[in-house]
């Protein structure tokens, strides 16, 4: 599973889903720590969009795993990182994933690079 995946997500689409489904949207796709990070932010939708892009990019490299098993966290330096649970952790055994997030112009993007350990 070496390779890379680049995914973009419309911030407005995420905002529309948040308006339509309220907290159920975030509860379905994001862990409690991810929600705790995004919700207090003034533009929470862009942070959710970037995290969703990272989850989708990681899943593209790992195969069919639950998005809830992929968590975007921050390392000690504040940089984004991925924490894998359940089936995602099993699929990633012996592999390392690196993630980069960005958002601008109404779009959030995530690049996930996979390498063998």
PDB file of N, CA and C in Angstrom:
ATOM      1  N   UNK A   1       0.818  -1.184   0.000  1.00  0.00           N
ATOM      2  CA  UNK A   1       0.000   0.000   0.000  1.00  0.00           C
ATOM      3  C   UNK A   1       0.861   1.246   0.000  1.00  0.00           C
ATOM      4  N   UNK A   2       1.817   1.340  -0.840  1.00  0.00           N
ATOM      5  CA  UNK A   2       2.481   2.616  -1.016  1.00  0.00           C
ATOM      6  C   UNK A   2       1.700   3.366  -2.070  1.00  0.00           C
ATOM      7  N   UNK A   3       1.704   4.647  -1.978  1.00  0.00           N
ATOM      8  CA  UNK A   3       0.977   5.452  -2.938  1.00  0.00           C
ATOM      9  C   UNK A   3       0.478   6.718  -2.285  1.00  0.00           C
ATOM     10  N   UNK A   4      -0.348   7.415  -3.034  1.00  0.00           N
ATOM     11  CA  UNK A   4      -0.919   8.641  -2.488  1.00  0.00           C
ATOM     12  C   UNK A   4      -2.326   8.820  -3.001  1.00  0.00           C
ATOM     13  N   UNK A   5      -3.081   9.588  -2.237  1.00  0.00           N
ATOM     14  CA  UNK A   5      -4.456   9.900  -2.617  1.00  0.00           C
ATOM     15  C   UNK A   5      -4.715  11.355  -2.263  1.00  0.00           C
ATOM     16  N   UNK A   6      -5.303  12.077  -3.201  1.00  0.00           N
ATOM     17  CA  UNK A   6      -5.659  13.484  -3.021  1.00  0.00           C
ATOM     18  C   UNK A   6      -7.163  13.598  -3.208  1.00  0.00           C
ATOM     19  N   UNK A   7      -7.843  14.128  -2.201  1.00  0.00           N
ATOM     20  CA  UNK A   7      -9.302  14.256  -2.234  1.00  0.00           C
ATOM     21  C   UNK A   7      -9.672  15.697  -1.917  1.00  0.00           C
ATOM     22  N   UNK A   8     -10.654  16.224  -2.635  1.00  0.00           N
ATOM     23  CA  UNK A   8     -11.193  17.553  -2.323  1.00  0.00           C
ATOM     24  C   UNK A   8     -12.663  17.421  -1.952  1.00  0.00           C
ATOM     25  N   UNK A   9     -13.104  18.281  -1.036  1.00  0.00           N
ATOM     26  CA  UNK A   9     -14.484  18.270  -0.560  1.00  0.00           C
ATOM     27  C   UNK A   9     -14.975  19.708  -0.540  1.00  0.00           C
ATOM     28  N   UNK A  10     -16.173  19.924  -1.048  1.00  0.00           N
ATOM     29  CA  UNK A  10     -16.790  21.249  -1.035  1.00  0.00           C
ATOM     30  C   UNK A  10     -17.191  21.629   0.387  1.00  0.00           C
ATOM     31  N   UNK A  11     -16.691  22.751   0.863  1.00  0.00           N
ATOM     32  CA  UNK A  11     -17.044  23.228   2.191  1.00  0.00           C
ATOM     33  C   UNK A  11     -18.534  23.562   2.252  1.00  0.00           C
ATOM     34  N   UNK A  12     -19.071  24.168   1.203  1.00  0.00           N
ATOM     35  CA  UNK A  12     -20.504  24.505   1.182  1.00  0.00           C
ATOM     36  C   UNK A  12     -21.360  23.245   1.269  1.00  0.00           C
ATOM     37  N   UNK A  13     -20.927  22.177   0.640  1.00  0.00           N
ATOM     38  CA  UNK A  13     -21.680  20.911   0.710  1.00  0.00           C
ATOM     39  C   UNK A  13     -21.716  20.398   2.147  1.00  0.00           C
ATOM     40  N   UNK A  14     -20.605  20.503   2.845  1.00  0.00           N
ATOM     41  CA  UNK A  14     -20.557  20.078   4.237  1.00  0.00           C
ATOM     42  C   UNK A  14     -21.453  20.976   5.089  1.00  0.00           C
ATOM     43  N   UNK A  15     -21.399  22.276   4.839  1.00  0.00           N
ATOM     44  CA  UNK A  15     -22.272  23.201   5.577  1.00  0.00           C
ATOM     45  C   UNK A  15     -23.751  22.871   5.333  1.00  0.00           C
ATOM     46  N   UNK A  16     -24.090  22.544   4.099  1.00  0.00           N
ATOM     47  CA  UNK A  16     -25.473  22.178   3.779  1.00  0.00           C
ATOM     48  C   UNK A  16     -25.884  20.909   4.528  1.00  0.00           C
ATOM     49  N   UNK A  17     -25.000  19.934   4.599  1.00  0.00           N
ATOM     50  CA  UNK A  17     -25.293  18.702   5.341  1.00  0.00           C
ATOM     51  C   UNK A  17     -25.448  18.986   6.832  1.00  0.00           C
ATOM     52  N   UNK A  18     -24.631  19.872   7.359  1.00  0.00           N
ATOM     53  CA  UNK A  18     -24.744  20.240   8.776  1.00  0.00           C
ATOM     54  C   UNK A  18     -26.071  20.940   9.051  1.00  0.00           C
ATOM     55  N   UNK A  19     -26.493  21.813   8.133  1.00  0.00           N
ATOM     56  CA  UNK A  19     -27.785  22.490   8.310  1.00  0.00           C
ATOM     57  C   UNK A  19     -28.937  21.489   8.232  1.00  0.00           C
ATOM     58  N   UNK A  20     -28.845  20.565   7.296  1.00  0.00           N
ATOM     59  CA  UNK A  20     -29.937  19.622   7.064  1.00  0.00           C
ATOM     60  C   UNK A  20     -30.056  18.571   8.166  1.00  0.00           C
ATOM     61  N   UNK A  21     -28.923  18.032   8.607  1.00  0.00           N
ATOM     62  CA  UNK A  21     -28.947  16.917   9.549  1.00  0.00           C
ATOM     63  C   UNK A  21     -28.509  17.278  10.961  1.00  0.00           C
ATOM     64  N   UNK A  22     -28.052  18.494  11.168  1.00  0.00           N
ATOM     65  CA  UNK A  22     -27.628  18.918  12.498  1.00  0.00           C
ATOM     66  C   UNK A  22     -26.503  18.055  13.031  1.00  0.00           C
ATOM     67  N   UNK A  23     -26.560  17.756  14.316  1.00  0.00           N
ATOM     68  CA  UNK A  23     -25.516  16.982  14.966  1.00  0.00           C
ATOM     69  C   UNK A  23     -25.394  15.552  14.475  1.00  0.00           C
ATOM     70  N   UNK A  24     -26.468  15.028  13.888  1.00  0.00           N
ATOM     71  CA  UNK A  24     -26.411  13.642  13.376  1.00  0.00           C
ATOM     72  C   UNK A  24     -25.353  13.482  12.309  1.00  0.00           C
ATOM     73  N   UNK A  25     -25.156  14.518  11.480  1.00  0.00           N
ATOM     74  CA  UNK A  25     -24.122  14.442  10.439  1.00  0.00           C
ATOM     75  C   UNK A  25     -22.766  14.206  11.078  1.00  0.00           C
ATOM     76  N   UNK A  26     -22.390  15.032  12.041  1.00  0.00           N
ATOM     77  CA  UNK A  26     -21.071  14.930  12.670  1.00  0.00           C
ATOM     78  C   UNK A  26     -20.937  13.632  13.461  1.00  0.00           C
ATOM     79  N   UNK A  27     -21.985  13.226  14.145  1.00  0.00           N
ATOM     80  CA  UNK A  27     -21.927  12.001  14.942  1.00  0.00           C
ATOM     81  C   UNK A  27     -21.717  10.770  14.081  1.00  0.00           C
ATOM     82  N   UNK A  28     -22.234  10.804  12.877  1.00  0.00           N
ATOM     83  CA  UNK A  28     -22.112   9.628  12.009  1.00  0.00           C
ATOM     84  C   UNK A  28     -20.704   9.457  11.449  1.00  0.00           C
ATOM     85  N   UNK A  29     -20.045  10.553  11.076  1.00  0.00           N
ATOM     86  CA  UNK A  29     -18.785  10.460  10.347  1.00  0.00           C
ATOM     87  C   UNK A  29     -17.542  10.817  11.155  1.00  0.00           C
ATOM     88  N   UNK A  30     -17.718  11.432  12.331  1.00  0.00           N
ATOM     89  CA  UNK A  30     -16.564  11.955  13.061  1.00  0.00           C
ATOM     90  C   UNK A  30     -16.556  11.464  14.500  1.00  0.00           C
ATOM     91  N   UNK A  31     -15.357  11.241  15.021  1.00  0.00           N
ATOM     92  CA  UNK A  31     -15.206  10.798  16.403  1.00  0.00           C
ATOM     93  C   UNK A  31     -15.477  11.972  17.347  1.00  0.00           C
ATOM     94  N   UNK A  32     -15.674  11.655  18.620  1.00  0.00           N
ATOM     95  CA  UNK A  32     -15.918  12.710  19.615  1.00  0.00           C
ATOM     96  C   UNK A  32     -14.770  13.715  19.673  1.00  0.00           C
ATOM     97  N   UNK A  33     -13.501  13.289  19.654  1.00  0.00           N
ATOM     98  CA  UNK A  33     -12.420  14.287  19.647  1.00  0.00           C
ATOM     99  C   UNK A  33     -12.411  15.154  18.379  1.00  0.00           C
ATOM    100  N   UNK A  34     -12.764  14.582  17.236  1.00  0.00           N
ATOM    101  CA  UNK A  34     -12.832  15.392  16.015  1.00  0.00           C
ATOM    102  C   UNK A  34     -13.934  16.433  16.127  1.00  0.00           C
ATOM    103  N   UNK A  35     -15.083  16.034  16.648  1.00  0.00           N
ATOM    104  CA  UNK A  35     -16.184  16.983  16.825  1.00  0.00           C
ATOM    105  C   UNK A  35     -15.810  18.067  17.831  1.00  0.00           C
ATOM    106  N   UNK A  36     -15.108  17.682  18.895  1.00  0.00           N
ATOM    107  CA  UNK A  36     -14.682  18.656  19.904  1.00  0.00           C
ATOM    108  C   UNK A  36     -13.701  19.663  19.315  1.00  0.00           C
ATOM    109  N   UNK A  37     -12.912  19.247  18.339  1.00  0.00           N
ATOM    110  CA  UNK A  37     -11.987  20.163  17.673  1.00  0.00           C
ATOM    111  C   UNK A  37     -12.741  21.098  16.727  1.00  0.00           C
ATOM    112  N   UNK A  38     -13.651  20.557  15.929  1.00  0.00           N
ATOM    113  CA  UNK A  38     -14.305  21.330  14.864  1.00  0.00           C
ATOM    114  C   UNK A  38     -15.403  22.260  15.371  1.00  0.00           C
ATOM    115  N   UNK A  39     -16.257  21.774  16.250  1.00  0.00           N
ATOM    116  CA  UNK A  39     -17.462  22.522  16.631  1.00  0.00           C
ATOM    117  C   UNK A  39     -17.207  23.925  17.170  1.00  0.00           C
ATOM    118  N   UNK A  40     -16.218  24.134  18.041  1.00  0.00           N
ATOM    119  CA  UNK A  40     -16.045  25.494  18.571  1.00  0.00           C
ATOM    120  C   UNK A  40     -15.450  26.484  17.569  1.00  0.00           C
ATOM    121  N   UNK A  41     -14.987  26.005  16.449  1.00  0.00           N
ATOM    122  CA  UNK A  41     -14.350  26.872  15.464  1.00  0.00           C
ATOM    123  C   UNK A  41     -15.406  27.714  14.753  1.00  0.00           C
ATOM    124  N   UNK A  42     -15.019  28.946  14.429  1.00  0.00           N
ATOM    125  CA  UNK A  42     -15.947  29.870  13.757  1.00  0.00           C
ATOM    126  C   UNK A  42     -16.406  29.308  12.415  1.00  0.00           C
ATOM    127  N   UNK A  43     -15.518  28.693  11.681  1.00  0.00           N
ATOM    128  CA  UNK A  43     -15.873  28.084  10.391  1.00  0.00           C
ATOM    129  C   UNK A  43     -15.714  26.570  10.492  1.00  0.00           C
ATOM    130  N   UNK A  44     -16.545  25.978  11.327  1.00  0.00           N
ATOM    131  CA  UNK A  44     -16.450  24.541  11.600  1.00  0.00           C
ATOM    132  C   UNK A  44     -16.557  23.714  10.327  1.00  0.00           C
ATOM    133  N   UNK A  45     -17.356  24.169   9.360  1.00  0.00           N
ATOM    134  CA  UNK A  45     -17.551  23.407   8.129  1.00  0.00           C
ATOM    135  C   UNK A  45     -16.271  23.147   7.378  1.00  0.00           C
ATOM    136  N   UNK A  46     -15.366  24.107   7.347  1.00  0.00           N
ATOM    137  CA  UNK A  46     -14.115  23.882   6.613  1.00  0.00           C
ATOM    138  C   UNK A  46     -13.233  22.856   7.329  1.00  0.00           C
ATOM    139  N   UNK A  47     -13.299  22.815   8.648  1.00  0.00           N
ATOM    140  CA  UNK A  47     -12.511  21.836   9.396  1.00  0.00           C
ATOM    141  C   UNK A  47     -13.096  20.436   9.236  1.00  0.00           C
ATOM    142  N   UNK A  48     -14.433  20.346   9.266  1.00  0.00           N
ATOM    143  CA  UNK A  48     -15.068  19.057   8.987  1.00  0.00           C
ATOM    144  C   UNK A  48     -14.754  18.599   7.560  1.00  0.00           C
ATOM    145  N   UNK A  49     -14.808  19.509   6.604  1.00  0.00           N
ATOM    146  CA  UNK A  49     -14.549  19.152   5.204  1.00  0.00           C
ATOM    147  C   UNK A  49     -13.128  18.629   5.024  1.00  0.00           C
ATOM    148  N   UNK A  50     -12.157  19.281   5.659  1.00  0.00           N
ATOM    149  CA  UNK A  50     -10.766  18.826   5.546  1.00  0.00           C
ATOM    150  C   UNK A  50     -10.607  17.441   6.162  1.00  0.00           C
ATOM    151  N   UNK A  51     -11.248  17.209   7.296  1.00  0.00           N
ATOM    152  CA  UNK A  51     -11.153  15.902   7.940  1.00  0.00           C
ATOM    153  C   UNK A  51     -11.859  14.818   7.130  1.00  0.00           C
ATOM    154  N   UNK A  52     -12.987  15.152   6.540  1.00  0.00           N
ATOM    155  CA  UNK A  52     -13.664  14.182   5.682  1.00  0.00           C
ATOM    156  C   UNK A  52     -12.801  13.857   4.467  1.00  0.00           C
ATOM    157  N   UNK A  53     -12.172  14.855   3.879  1.00  0.00           N
ATOM    158  CA  UNK A  53     -11.272  14.616   2.743  1.00  0.00           C
ATOM    159  C   UNK A  53     -10.137  13.678   3.152  1.00  0.00           C
ATOM    160  N   UNK A  54      -9.582  13.869   4.349  1.00  0.00           N
ATOM    161  CA  UNK A  54      -8.500  13.002   4.825  1.00  0.00           C
ATOM    162  C   UNK A  54      -8.981  11.572   5.022  1.00  0.00           C
ATOM    163  N   UNK A  55     -10.172  11.412   5.581  1.00  0.00           N
ATOM    164  CA  UNK A  55     -10.726  10.079   5.785  1.00  0.00           C
ATOM    165  C   UNK A  55     -10.947   9.370   4.447  1.00  0.00           C
ATOM    166  N   UNK A  56     -11.490  10.100   3.475  1.00  0.00           N
ATOM    167  CA  UNK A  56     -11.735   9.509   2.153  1.00  0.00           C
ATOM    168  C   UNK A  56     -10.432   9.160   1.450  1.00  0.00           C
ATOM    169  N   UNK A  57      -9.427  10.018   1.582  1.00  0.00           N
ATOM    170  CA  UNK A  57      -8.130   9.746   0.953  1.00  0.00           C
ATOM    171  C   UNK A  57      -7.469   8.530   1.602  1.00  0.00           C
ATOM    172  N   UNK A  58      -7.521   8.445   2.927  1.00  0.00           N
ATOM    173  CA  UNK A  58      -6.946   7.286   3.616  1.00  0.00           C
ATOM    174  C   UNK A  58      -7.668   6.006   3.214  1.00  0.00           C
ATOM    175  N   UNK A  59      -8.995   6.089   3.118  1.00  0.00           N
ATOM    176  CA  UNK A  59      -9.762   4.905   2.720  1.00  0.00           C
ATOM    177  C   UNK A  59      -9.414   4.479   1.304  1.00  0.00           C
ATOM    178  N   UNK A  60      -9.106   5.424   0.450  1.00  0.00           N
ATOM    179  CA  UNK A  60      -8.705   5.069  -0.915  1.00  0.00           C
ATOM    180  C   UNK A  60      -7.427   4.219  -0.888  1.00  0.00           C
ATOM    181  N   UNK A  61      -6.534   4.492   0.047  1.00  0.00           N
ATOM    182  CA  UNK A  61      -5.295   3.722   0.148  1.00  0.00           C
ATOM    183  C   UNK A  61      -5.481   2.409   0.907  1.00  0.00           C
ATOM    184  N   UNK A  62      -6.384   2.397   1.882  1.00  0.00           N
ATOM    185  CA  UNK A  62      -6.546   1.226   2.745  1.00  0.00           C
ATOM    186  C   UNK A  62      -7.529   0.198   2.222  1.00  0.00           C
ATOM    187  N   UNK A  63      -8.440   0.629   1.374  1.00  0.00           N
ATOM    188  CA  UNK A  63      -9.487  -0.276   0.923  1.00  0.00           C
ATOM    189  C   UNK A  63     -10.782   0.012   1.668  1.00  0.00           C
ATOM    190  N   UNK A  64     -11.746  -0.882   1.553  1.00  0.00           N
ATOM    191  CA  UNK A  64     -13.080  -0.618   2.133  1.00  0.00           C
ATOM    192  C   UNK A  64     -13.087  -0.741   3.659  1.00  0.00           C
ATOM    193  N   UNK A  65     -12.815   0.375   4.316  1.00  0.00           N
ATOM    194  CA  UNK A  65     -12.880   0.434   5.778  1.00  0.00           C
ATOM    195  C   UNK A  65     -13.905   1.495   6.172  1.00  0.00           C
ATOM    196  N   UNK A  66     -14.388   1.420   7.404  1.00  0.00           N
ATOM    197  CA  UNK A  66     -15.352   2.406   7.893  1.00  0.00           C
ATOM    198  C   UNK A  66     -14.667   3.753   8.094  1.00  0.00           C
ATOM    199  N   UNK A  67     -15.329   4.822   7.683  1.00  0.00           N
ATOM    200  CA  UNK A  67     -14.763   6.157   7.888  1.00  0.00           C
ATOM    201  C   UNK A  67     -14.598   6.451   9.372  1.00  0.00           C
ATOM    202  N   UNK A  68     -15.465   5.894  10.196  1.00  0.00           N
ATOM    203  CA  UNK A  68     -15.356   6.096  11.635  1.00  0.00           C
ATOM    204  C   UNK A  68     -14.115   5.463  12.246  1.00  0.00           C
ATOM    205  N   UNK A  69     -13.477   4.545  11.511  1.00  0.00           N
ATOM    206  CA  UNK A  69     -12.244   3.910  11.991  1.00  0.00           C
ATOM    207  C   UNK A  69     -11.004   4.732  11.646  1.00  0.00           C
ATOM    208  N   UNK A  70     -11.196   5.843  10.951  1.00  0.00           N
ATOM    209  CA  UNK A  70     -10.095   6.741  10.598  1.00  0.00           C
ATOM    210  C   UNK A  70     -10.337   8.055  11.326  1.00  0.00           C
ATOM    211  N   UNK A  71      -9.388   8.439  12.147  1.00  0.00           N
ATOM    212  CA  UNK A  71      -9.539   9.650  12.955  1.00  0.00           C
ATOM    213  C   UNK A  71      -8.402  10.620  12.640  1.00  0.00           C
ATOM    214  N   UNK A  72      -8.745  11.878  12.421  1.00  0.00           N
ATOM    215  CA  UNK A  72      -7.740  12.913  12.205  1.00  0.00           C
ATOM    216  C   UNK A  72      -7.443  13.558  13.559  1.00  0.00           C
ATOM    217  N   UNK A  73      -6.186  13.505  13.943  1.00  0.00           N
ATOM    218  CA  UNK A  73      -5.731  14.071  15.212  1.00  0.00           C
ATOM    219  C   UNK A  73      -4.616  15.071  14.922  1.00  0.00           C
ATOM    220  N   UNK A  74      -4.112  15.693  15.968  1.00  0.00           N
ATOM    221  CA  UNK A  74      -2.974  16.595  15.842  1.00  0.00           C
ATOM    222  C   UNK A  74      -1.831  16.009  16.668  1.00  0.00           C
ATOM    223  N   UNK A  75      -0.613  16.012  16.085  1.00  0.00           N
ATOM    224  CA  UNK A  75       0.526  15.496  16.833  1.00  0.00           C
ATOM    225  C   UNK A  75       1.016  16.548  17.831  1.00  0.00           C
ATOM    226  N   UNK A  76       2.085  16.256  18.522  1.00  0.00           N
ATOM    227  CA  UNK A  76       2.591  17.157  19.567  1.00  0.00           C
ATOM    228  C   UNK A  76       2.967  18.534  19.027  1.00  0.00           C
ATOM    229  N   UNK A  77       3.336  18.600  17.757  1.00  0.00           N
ATOM    230  CA  UNK A  77       3.699  19.877  17.134  1.00  0.00           C
ATOM    231  C   UNK A  77       2.486  20.589  16.539  1.00  0.00           C
ATOM    232  N   UNK A  78       1.305  19.967  16.593  1.00  0.00           N
ATOM    233  CA  UNK A  78       0.092  20.565  16.048  1.00  0.00           C
ATOM    234  C   UNK A  78      -0.203  20.192  14.609  1.00  0.00           C
ATOM    235  N   UNK A  79       0.634  19.362  14.019  1.00  0.00           N
ATOM    236  CA  UNK A  79       0.423  18.931  12.635  1.00  0.00           C
ATOM    237  C   UNK A  79      -0.638  17.834  12.592  1.00  0.00           C
ATOM    238  N   UNK A  80      -1.419  17.764  11.500  1.00  0.00           N
ATOM    239  CA  UNK A  80      -2.422  16.705  11.399  1.00  0.00           C
ATOM    240  C   UNK A  80      -1.764  15.334  11.255  1.00  0.00           C
ATOM    241  N   UNK A  81      -2.429  14.349  11.811  1.00  0.00           N
ATOM    242  CA  UNK A  81      -1.976  12.962  11.720  1.00  0.00           C
ATOM    243  C   UNK A  81      -3.213  12.084  11.712  1.00  0.00           C
ATOM    244  N   UNK A  82      -3.041  10.834  11.347  1.00  0.00           N
ATOM    245  CA  UNK A  82      -4.152   9.890  11.323  1.00  0.00           C
ATOM    246  C   UNK A  82      -3.982   8.870  12.434  1.00  0.00           C
ATOM    247  N   UNK A  83      -5.061   8.608  13.150  1.00  0.00           N
ATOM    248  CA  UNK A  83      -5.111   7.535  14.136  1.00  0.00           C
ATOM    249  C   UNK A  83      -6.128   6.531  13.604  1.00  0.00           C
ATOM    250  N   UNK A  84      -5.707   5.284  13.468  1.00  0.00           N
ATOM    251  CA  UNK A  84      -6.555   4.256  12.867  1.00  0.00           C
ATOM    252  C   UNK A  84      -7.071   3.296  13.930  1.00  0.00           C
ATOM    253  N   UNK A  85      -8.325   2.907  13.775  1.00  0.00           N
ATOM    254  CA  UNK A  85      -8.988   1.996  14.699  1.00  0.00           C
ATOM    255  C   UNK A  85      -9.584   0.843  13.896  1.00  0.00           C
ATOM    256  N   UNK A  86      -9.947  -0.227  14.569  1.00  0.00           N
ATOM    257  CA  UNK A  86     -10.697  -1.319  13.958  1.00  0.00           C
ATOM    258  C   UNK A  86     -10.109  -1.826  12.653  1.00  0.00           C
ATOM    259  N   UNK A  87     -10.987  -1.935  11.648  1.00  0.00           N
ATOM    260  CA  UNK A  87     -10.585  -2.459  10.345  1.00  0.00           C
ATOM    261  C   UNK A  87      -9.527  -1.618   9.652  1.00  0.00           C
ATOM    262  N   UNK A  88      -9.535  -0.319   9.880  1.00  0.00           N
ATOM    263  CA  UNK A  88      -8.514   0.544   9.263  1.00  0.00           C
ATOM    264  C   UNK A  88      -7.138   0.227   9.820  1.00  0.00           C
ATOM    265  N   UNK A  89      -7.049  -0.021  11.131  1.00  0.00           N
ATOM    266  CA  UNK A  89      -5.768  -0.371  11.743  1.00  0.00           C
ATOM    267  C   UNK A  89      -5.270  -1.706  11.214  1.00  0.00           C
ATOM    268  N   UNK A  90      -6.184  -2.651  11.025  1.00  0.00           N
ATOM    269  CA  UNK A  90      -5.807  -3.963  10.487  1.00  0.00           C
ATOM    270  C   UNK A  90      -5.302  -3.806   9.056  1.00  0.00           C
ATOM    271  N   UNK A  91      -6.001  -3.039   8.241  1.00  0.00           N
ATOM    272  CA  UNK A  91      -5.603  -2.842   6.841  1.00  0.00           C
ATOM    273  C   UNK A  91      -4.259  -2.140   6.714  1.00  0.00           C
ATOM    274  N   UNK A  92      -3.910  -1.330   7.701  1.00  0.00           N
ATOM    275  CA  UNK A  92      -2.688  -0.532   7.624  1.00  0.00           C
ATOM    276  C   UNK A  92      -1.483  -1.200   8.281  1.00  0.00           C
ATOM    277  N   UNK A  93      -1.633  -2.404   8.786  1.00  0.00           N
ATOM    278  CA  UNK A  93      -0.511  -3.049   9.473  1.00  0.00           C
ATOM    279  C   UNK A  93       0.718  -3.069   8.570  1.00  0.00           C
ATOM    280  N   UNK A  94       1.844  -2.612   9.140  1.00  0.00           N
ATOM    281  CA  UNK A  94       3.100  -2.578   8.397  1.00  0.00           C
ATOM    282  C   UNK A  94       3.207  -1.401   7.452  1.00  0.00           C
ATOM    283  N   UNK A  95       2.289  -0.482   7.551  1.00  0.00           N
ATOM    284  CA  UNK A  95       2.283   0.686   6.672  1.00  0.00           C
ATOM    285  C   UNK A  95       2.181   1.950   7.513  1.00  0.00           C
ATOM    286  N   UNK A  96       2.679   3.026   6.987  1.00  0.00           N
ATOM    287  CA  UNK A  96       2.600   4.323   7.657  1.00  0.00           C
ATOM    288  C   UNK A  96       1.875   5.287   6.734  1.00  0.00           C
ATOM    289  N   UNK A  97       0.967   6.087   7.299  1.00  0.00           N
ATOM    290  CA  UNK A  97       0.230   7.084   6.531  1.00  0.00           C
ATOM    291  C   UNK A  97       0.611   8.479   7.007  1.00  0.00           C
ATOM    292  N   UNK A  98       0.821   9.376   6.059  1.00  0.00           N
ATOM    293  CA  UNK A  98       1.107  10.780   6.342  1.00  0.00           C
ATOM    294  C   UNK A  98      -0.018  11.597   5.724  1.00  0.00           C
ATOM    295  N   UNK A  99      -0.427  12.675   6.390  1.00  0.00           N
ATOM    296  CA  UNK A  99      -1.557  13.465   5.899  1.00  0.00           C
ATOM    297  C   UNK A  99      -1.213  14.948   5.917  1.00  0.00           C
ATOM    298  N   UNK A 100      -1.734  15.648   4.926  1.00  0.00           N
ATOM    299  CA  UNK A 100      -1.648  17.103   4.856  1.00  0.00           C
ATOM    300  C   UNK A 100      -3.042  17.629   4.527  1.00  0.00           C
ATOM    301  N   UNK A 101      -3.464  18.678   5.235  1.00  0.00           N
ATOM    302  CA  UNK A 101      -4.791  19.266   5.051  1.00  0.00           C
ATOM    303  C   UNK A 101      -4.663  20.725   4.645  1.00  0.00           C
ATOM    304  N   UNK A 102      -5.621  21.197   3.838  1.00  0.00           N
ATOM    305  CA  UNK A 102      -5.680  22.610   3.489  1.00  0.00           C
ATOM    306  C   UNK A 102      -7.107  22.963   3.102  1.00  0.00           C
ATOM    307  N   UNK A 103      -7.428  24.256   3.158  1.00  0.00           N
ATOM    308  CA  UNK A 103      -8.734  24.721   2.698  1.00  0.00           C
ATOM    309  C   UNK A 103      -8.595  26.153   2.223  1.00  0.00           C
ATOM    310  N   UNK A 104      -9.246  26.420   1.088  1.00  0.00           N
ATOM    311  CA  UNK A 104      -9.229  27.760   0.498  1.00  0.00           C
ATOM    312  C   UNK A 104     -10.249  27.783  -0.639  1.00  0.00           C
ATOM    313  N   UNK A 105     -10.829  28.940  -0.877  1.00  0.00           N
ATOM    314  CA  UNK A 105     -11.725  29.105  -2.009  1.00  0.00           C
ATOM    315  C   UNK A 105     -12.927  28.187  -1.998  1.00  0.00           C
ATOM    316  N   UNK A 106     -13.424  27.833  -0.812  1.00  0.00           N
ATOM    317  CA  UNK A 106     -14.609  27.001  -0.734  1.00  0.00           C
ATOM    318  C   UNK A 106     -14.359  25.517  -0.862  1.00  0.00           C
ATOM    319  N   UNK A 107     -13.088  25.113  -0.896  1.00  0.00           N
ATOM    320  CA  UNK A 107     -12.744  23.703  -1.049  1.00  0.00           C
ATOM    321  C   UNK A 107     -11.727  23.314   0.019  1.00  0.00           C
ATOM    322  N   UNK A 108     -11.923  22.141   0.601  1.00  0.00           N
ATOM    323  CA  UNK A 108     -10.939  21.557   1.509  1.00  0.00           C
ATOM    324  C   UNK A 108     -10.285  20.390   0.789  1.00  0.00           C
ATOM    325  N   UNK A 109      -8.986  20.241   0.981  1.00  0.00           N
ATOM    326  CA  UNK A 109      -8.264  19.141   0.338  1.00  0.00           C
ATOM    327  C   UNK A 109      -7.428  18.407   1.375  1.00  0.00           C
ATOM    328  N   UNK A 110      -7.212  17.137   1.103  1.00  0.00           N
ATOM    329  CA  UNK A 110      -6.331  16.319   1.932  1.00  0.00           C
ATOM    330  C   UNK A 110      -5.483  15.458   1.007  1.00  0.00           C
ATOM    331  N   UNK A 111      -4.217  15.387   1.340  1.00  0.00           N
ATOM    332  CA  UNK A 111      -3.287  14.490   0.660  1.00  0.00           C
ATOM    333  C   UNK A 111      -2.831  13.467   1.687  1.00  0.00           C
ATOM    334  N   UNK A 112      -3.015  12.204   1.367  1.00  0.00           N
ATOM    335  CA  UNK A 112      -2.532  11.125   2.235  1.00  0.00           C
ATOM    336  C   UNK A 112      -1.518  10.327   1.430  1.00  0.00           C
ATOM    337  N   UNK A 113      -0.350  10.148   2.020  1.00  0.00           N
ATOM    338  CA  UNK A 113       0.727   9.377   1.411  1.00  0.00           C
ATOM    339  C   UNK A 113       0.932   8.143   2.264  1.00  0.00           C
ATOM    340  N   UNK A 114       0.958   6.984   1.607  1.00  0.00           N
ATOM    341  CA  UNK A 114       1.189   5.726   2.310  1.00  0.00           C
ATOM    342  C   UNK A 114       2.545   5.166   1.943  1.00  0.00           C
ATOM    343  N   UNK A 115       3.231   4.622   2.937  1.00  0.00           N
ATOM    344  CA  UNK A 115       4.535   3.991   2.697  1.00  0.00           C
ATOM    345  C   UNK A 115       4.658   2.751   3.562  1.00  0.00           C
ATOM    346  N   UNK A 116       5.426   1.796   3.086  1.00  0.00           N
ATOM    347  CA  UNK A 116       5.689   0.593   3.876  1.00  0.00           C
ATOM    348  C   UNK A 116       6.682   0.947   4.972  1.00  0.00           C
ATOM    349  N   UNK A 117       6.476   0.383   6.157  1.00  0.00           N
ATOM    350  CA  UNK A 117       7.386   0.676   7.280  1.00  0.00           C
ATOM    351  C   UNK A 117       8.661  -0.120   7.142  1.00  0.00           C
TER     352      UNK A 117
END
